[in-house]
Amino acid sequence: MDRRSFLGALPAGAGLALVHQQVAQIPNEGDKRPSPVHDLYPSQDPQQVKQIVRVAHFDVDLVTEMVEKKPELAKSAWDWGFGDWESALGAASHMGRRDIADVLIDHGARPNLFTHAMLGDLDVVRAAIEARPGVQSIPGPHGISLLGHAKAGGDEAASVAEYLMERGDADPKAISLDTDDEQLELYVGKYVFGDGKNDYFELTLDSRGMLSIKRGDALFGRVLNRVEEHGFAPGGAPSVRVRFRLQRGSVMGLSIHDPEPVVGARKLG
């Protein structure tokens, strides 16, 4: 039955009422209605992605709840800053959380060499290194080495850790020049680069006494490793530089190079 025949078969006046109802449901051009999806849809909700990567470090129950409700979250990855990408499975891997890794893999997460090292899959790790010599020296999220992942796996990954230690090149350390506390204190403070509420960097010393940088009201900062006189590389991003500008012994500002200059900021106070 076509539309005209369908409307003609309705009781008198019902067809007109139905048309009016349908027209009423079409929003006018000037109407403003909240979107039923977030701004980046169909990309995944960034807040959910960030949450599952964060909790995949420690909370198997919440990870299970999230991926059972939305299995595609198992493949999530988040950039913690300056290109320091970490997947949910990567988080579980460097924390030695086999239980969380199992849940994520069961829901479609893609294991990589770091995951296999933590799980104790010696044959897989050995085959990958033999097929691509040198791959064992590539650091994982936050600069954590392949050997570090194997050690996180505990007794079940002891054979992998032993194999990697015998090779001697699977545990590269980030370069960080010696810096005393007095010098680090020079860099601590607030650096402004715009008029927005989050257009500033906060430089602090973390619980280990290491310099850390975060933007605005972000929850987490990035550790900075000193690699030149007044220049630092963020953890997990060795090609990036945070350089400080001094005048008469006082820090006046900073600039970030990635590797070209990206932003400059002046220090307050």
Protein backbone atom coordinates (compact mmCIF):
# COMPACT_ATOMS: atom_id res chain seq x y z
CA MET A 1 0.00 0.00 0.00
CA ASP A 2 1.41 3.39 -0.99
CA ARG A 3 1.28 6.49 1.24
CA ARG A 4 -1.80 7.96 -0.49
CA SER A 5 -3.77 4.71 -0.21
CA PHE A 6 -2.74 4.30 3.43
CA LEU A 7 -3.93 7.80 4.37
CA GLY A 8 -7.16 7.30 2.41
CA ALA A 9 -7.93 4.16 4.38
CA LEU A 10 -7.80 6.00 7.72
CA PRO A 11 -10.97 7.39 9.40
CA ALA A 12 -11.95 10.91 8.36
CA GLY A 13 -9.52 13.48 9.75
CA ALA A 14 -7.08 10.86 11.01
CA GLY A 15 -4.79 11.22 7.99
CA LEU A 16 -4.50 14.98 8.45
CA ALA A 17 -3.80 14.53 12.17
CA LEU A 18 -1.08 11.99 11.37
CA VAL A 19 0.57 14.36 8.91
CA HIS A 20 0.48 17.17 11.48
CA GLN A 21 2.03 14.86 14.08
CA GLN A 22 4.85 13.88 11.74
CA VAL A 23 5.55 17.50 10.80
CA ALA A 24 5.60 18.47 14.48
CA GLN A 25 8.39 15.94 15.10
CA ILE A 26 10.69 17.55 12.53
CA PRO A 27 12.83 20.19 14.31
CA ASN A 28 12.76 23.68 12.92
CA GLU A 29 16.02 25.02 11.56
CA GLY A 30 16.37 27.40 14.49
CA ASP A 31 15.59 24.84 17.19
CA LYS A 32 18.45 23.93 19.54
CA ARG A 33 18.44 20.43 20.96
CA PRO A 34 21.23 18.68 22.84
CA SER A 35 23.06 16.13 20.73
CA PRO A 36 22.39 12.50 21.73
CA VAL A 37 26.10 11.73 21.13
CA HIS A 38 29.40 13.33 22.11
CA ASP A 39 31.21 15.75 19.80
CA LEU A 40 33.67 13.19 18.39
CA TYR A 41 31.13 10.42 17.67
CA PRO A 42 31.43 7.92 15.96
CA SER A 43 34.89 7.91 17.53
CA GLN A 44 34.67 6.47 21.03
CA ASP A 45 33.93 8.78 23.93
CA PRO A 46 37.36 10.11 25.04
CA GLN A 47 36.33 10.07 28.69
CA GLN A 48 35.43 6.38 28.55
CA VAL A 49 38.66 5.60 26.71
CA LYS A 50 40.72 7.46 29.29
CA GLN A 51 38.85 5.77 32.13
CA ILE A 52 39.37 2.20 30.96
CA VAL A 53 43.07 2.77 30.24
CA ARG A 54 43.45 4.24 33.74
CA VAL A 55 41.55 1.52 35.60
CA ALA A 56 43.19 -1.25 33.55
CA HIS A 57 46.21 -0.62 35.77
CA PHE A 58 44.44 -1.95 38.87
CA ASP A 59 40.65 -2.66 38.77
CA VAL A 60 39.61 -5.95 37.15
CA ASP A 61 35.97 -5.63 38.26
CA LEU A 62 35.45 -2.23 36.65
CA VAL A 63 37.31 -3.26 33.50
CA THR A 64 35.08 -6.34 33.24
CA GLU A 65 31.95 -4.26 33.71
CA MET A 66 33.01 -1.75 31.06
CA VAL A 67 33.97 -4.25 28.35
CA GLU A 68 30.93 -6.45 28.93
CA LYS A 69 28.77 -3.41 28.36
CA LYS A 70 30.86 -2.13 25.43
CA PRO A 71 33.35 -4.74 24.11
CA GLU A 72 35.07 -2.34 21.69
CA LEU A 73 36.53 -0.47 24.68
CA ALA A 74 38.91 -3.42 25.14
CA LYS A 75 40.96 -2.03 22.23
CA SER A 76 41.17 1.50 23.68
CA ALA A 77 44.40 3.50 23.80
CA TRP A 78 45.14 6.90 25.36
CA ASP A 79 47.88 9.49 24.86
CA TRP A 80 49.00 10.54 28.34
CA GLY A 81 50.99 13.40 26.87
CA PHE A 82 53.53 14.17 24.14
CA GLY A 83 52.74 10.93 22.30
CA ASP A 84 53.12 8.58 25.28
CA TRP A 85 50.38 6.24 24.04
CA GLU A 86 49.15 3.42 26.24
CA SER A 87 46.44 0.86 25.56
CA ALA A 88 44.25 -0.67 28.24
CA LEU A 89 46.08 -3.95 27.63
CA GLY A 90 49.40 -2.12 27.79
CA ALA A 91 48.46 -0.77 31.21
CA ALA A 92 47.62 -4.24 32.51
CA SER A 93 50.82 -5.59 30.97
CA HIS A 94 53.32 -3.30 32.66
CA MET A 95 51.46 -3.67 35.99
CA GLY A 96 51.66 -7.45 35.80
CA ARG A 97 47.86 -7.78 35.92
CA ARG A 98 47.34 -11.08 34.14
CA ASP A 99 43.71 -11.17 35.29
CA ILE A 100 42.94 -7.83 33.64
CA ALA A 101 44.88 -8.77 30.52
CA ASP A 102 42.85 -11.99 30.19
CA VAL A 103 39.56 -10.06 30.39
CA LEU A 104 40.70 -7.55 27.77
CA ILE A 105 42.01 -10.19 25.36
CA ASP A 106 38.80 -12.21 25.74
CA HIS A 107 36.93 -9.10 24.60
CA GLY A 108 39.11 -8.37 21.57
CA ALA A 109 42.21 -6.53 22.84
CA ARG A 110 45.30 -7.13 20.70
CA PRO A 111 48.28 -8.55 22.61
CA ASN A 112 51.72 -7.31 21.59
CA LEU A 113 55.29 -8.20 22.52
CA PHE A 114 55.05 -6.46 25.90
CA THR A 115 51.91 -8.40 26.78
CA HIS A 116 53.54 -11.71 25.80
CA ALA A 117 56.57 -10.84 27.92
CA MET A 118 54.38 -10.23 30.97
CA LEU A 119 52.35 -13.40 30.34
CA GLY A 120 55.54 -15.49 30.13
CA ASP A 121 55.15 -16.53 26.50
CA LEU A 122 58.84 -17.27 25.94
CA ASP A 123 58.42 -18.85 22.51
CA VAL A 124 56.57 -15.79 21.22
CA VAL A 125 59.12 -13.33 22.64
CA ARG A 126 62.09 -15.30 21.34
CA ALA A 127 60.53 -15.69 17.88
CA ALA A 128 59.80 -11.95 17.64
CA ILE A 129 63.37 -11.01 18.56
CA GLU A 130 64.87 -13.54 16.16
CA ALA A 131 62.62 -12.26 13.37
CA ARG A 132 63.34 -8.60 14.09
CA PRO A 133 66.66 -8.21 15.94
CA GLY A 134 66.71 -5.09 18.10
CA VAL A 135 62.97 -5.02 18.78
CA GLN A 136 63.73 -5.96 22.40
CA SER A 137 65.30 -2.53 22.95
CA ILE A 138 62.17 -0.56 22.02
CA PRO A 139 60.59 0.82 25.21
CA GLY A 140 56.88 0.47 25.96
CA PRO A 141 54.42 2.95 27.48
CA HIS A 142 56.05 5.48 29.83
CA GLY A 143 59.43 4.23 28.66
CA ILE A 144 59.06 0.91 30.53
CA SER A 145 61.33 -1.71 28.98
CA LEU A 146 60.48 -5.17 27.67
CA LEU A 147 62.43 -6.66 30.57
CA GLY A 148 60.43 -4.50 32.96
CA HIS A 149 57.23 -6.05 31.60
CA ALA A 150 58.64 -9.56 32.03
CA LYS A 151 59.62 -8.83 35.63
CA ALA A 152 56.11 -7.49 36.27
CA GLY A 153 54.80 -10.92 35.25
CA GLY A 154 56.37 -12.51 38.33
CA ASP A 155 57.12 -16.21 38.58
CA GLU A 156 55.02 -17.11 35.53
CA ALA A 157 57.22 -14.89 33.37
CA ALA A 158 60.53 -15.74 35.02
CA SER A 159 61.78 -17.65 31.96
CA VAL A 160 61.20 -14.60 29.76
CA ALA A 161 62.96 -12.31 32.23
CA GLU A 162 65.93 -14.68 32.39
CA TYR A 163 66.14 -14.88 28.58
CA LEU A 164 66.03 -11.08 28.22
CA MET A 165 68.64 -10.54 30.93
CA GLU A 166 70.97 -12.94 29.12
CA ARG A 167 70.62 -10.80 25.98
CA GLY A 168 71.55 -7.70 27.97
CA ASP A 169 69.86 -5.15 25.70
CA ALA A 170 66.19 -5.40 26.66
CA ASP A 171 66.25 -2.91 29.53
CA PRO A 172 67.28 0.53 28.17
CA LYS A 173 67.06 3.37 30.68
CA ALA A 174 65.86 6.89 29.94
CA ILE A 175 68.69 9.44 29.96
CA SER A 176 68.46 11.71 32.98
CA LEU A 177 71.40 13.88 34.05
CA ASP A 178 72.05 14.38 37.71
CA THR A 179 70.18 17.42 39.03
CA ASP A 180 70.11 18.58 42.63
CA ASP A 181 66.92 19.62 44.42
CA GLU A 182 67.95 23.27 44.50
CA GLN A 183 68.20 23.40 40.71
CA LEU A 184 64.89 21.60 40.22
CA GLU A 185 63.15 24.11 42.47
CA LEU A 186 64.07 26.82 39.95
CA TYR A 187 61.66 25.29 37.44
CA VAL A 188 58.70 24.75 39.77
CA GLY A 189 55.78 27.09 39.15
CA LYS A 190 52.95 28.10 36.82
CA TYR A 191 53.63 28.94 33.17
CA VAL A 192 50.93 30.73 31.17
CA PHE A 193 50.59 30.66 27.38
CA GLY A 194 47.01 31.85 26.72
CA ASP A 195 43.81 33.31 28.12
CA GLY A 196 41.81 30.08 28.47
CA LYS A 197 41.23 28.54 31.88
CA ASN A 198 43.57 25.64 31.03
CA ASP A 199 46.12 27.64 29.06
CA TYR A 200 48.95 27.06 31.50
CA PHE A 201 51.42 24.40 32.58
CA GLU A 202 52.03 23.46 36.21
CA LEU A 203 55.57 22.32 37.04
CA THR A 204 55.89 20.43 40.33
CA LEU A 205 58.12 17.92 42.08
CA ASP A 206 56.48 14.51 42.50
CA SER A 207 56.75 12.14 45.46
CA ARG A 208 60.09 10.86 44.12
CA GLY A 209 61.53 14.35 43.83
CA MET A 210 61.31 14.32 40.02
CA LEU A 211 60.16 17.29 37.98
CA SER A 212 56.69 16.84 36.48
CA ILE A 213 54.65 18.87 33.98
CA LYS A 214 50.89 18.90 33.49
CA ARG A 215 48.53 21.16 31.63
CA GLY A 216 45.88 23.10 33.51
CA ASP A 217 43.57 21.05 35.70
CA ALA A 218 44.65 17.66 34.31
CA LEU A 219 44.80 14.92 36.92
CA PHE A 220 48.17 13.53 35.89
CA GLY A 221 51.47 15.04 34.84
CA ARG A 222 54.44 13.71 32.88
CA VAL A 223 57.79 13.11 34.51
CA LEU A 224 60.61 15.14 32.97
CA ASN A 225 64.10 13.68 32.52
CA ARG A 226 66.92 16.21 32.29
CA VAL A 227 68.82 15.71 29.03
CA GLU A 228 70.61 19.07 28.59
CA GLU A 229 71.58 22.05 30.73
CA HIS A 230 68.08 23.52 31.02
CA GLY A 231 66.21 21.03 28.84
CA PHE A 232 64.11 18.00 29.68
CA ALA A 233 62.43 15.12 27.84
CA PRO A 234 59.03 13.87 29.05
CA GLY A 235 58.91 10.23 30.10
CA GLY A 236 57.83 8.07 27.19
CA ALA A 237 58.57 10.82 24.63
CA PRO A 238 62.38 11.07 24.26
CA SER A 239 62.30 13.25 21.12
CA VAL A 240 60.27 16.04 22.82
CA ARG A 241 62.06 18.84 24.65
CA VAL A 242 60.85 21.16 27.39
CA ARG A 243 63.38 23.98 27.52
CA PHE A 244 63.55 26.71 30.16
CA ARG A 245 64.58 30.31 29.52
CA LEU A 246 66.68 31.91 32.25
CA GLN A 247 67.68 35.48 32.92
CA ARG A 248 70.20 36.35 35.62
CA GLY A 249 69.72 32.99 37.27
CA SER A 250 65.91 33.13 37.33
CA VAL A 251 63.56 31.09 35.14
CA MET A 252 61.45 33.40 33.01
CA GLY A 253 59.58 30.93 30.84
CA LEU A 254 59.61 27.66 28.93
CA SER A 255 59.13 26.41 25.40
CA ILE A 256 58.07 22.99 24.16
CA HIS A 257 59.63 21.50 21.03
CA ASP A 258 58.01 18.47 19.36
CA PRO A 259 60.61 18.54 17.77
CA GLU A 260 59.83 21.95 16.23
CA PRO A 261 58.75 24.74 18.62
CA VAL A 262 55.10 24.24 19.56
CA VAL A 263 54.29 26.63 22.39
CA GLY A 264 56.02 29.15 24.64
CA ALA A 265 54.89 30.15 28.12
CA ARG A 266 55.95 32.76 30.66
CA LYS A 267 56.45 31.95 34.30
CA LEU A 268 54.26 33.73 36.82
CA GLY A 269 55.78 35.17 39.95
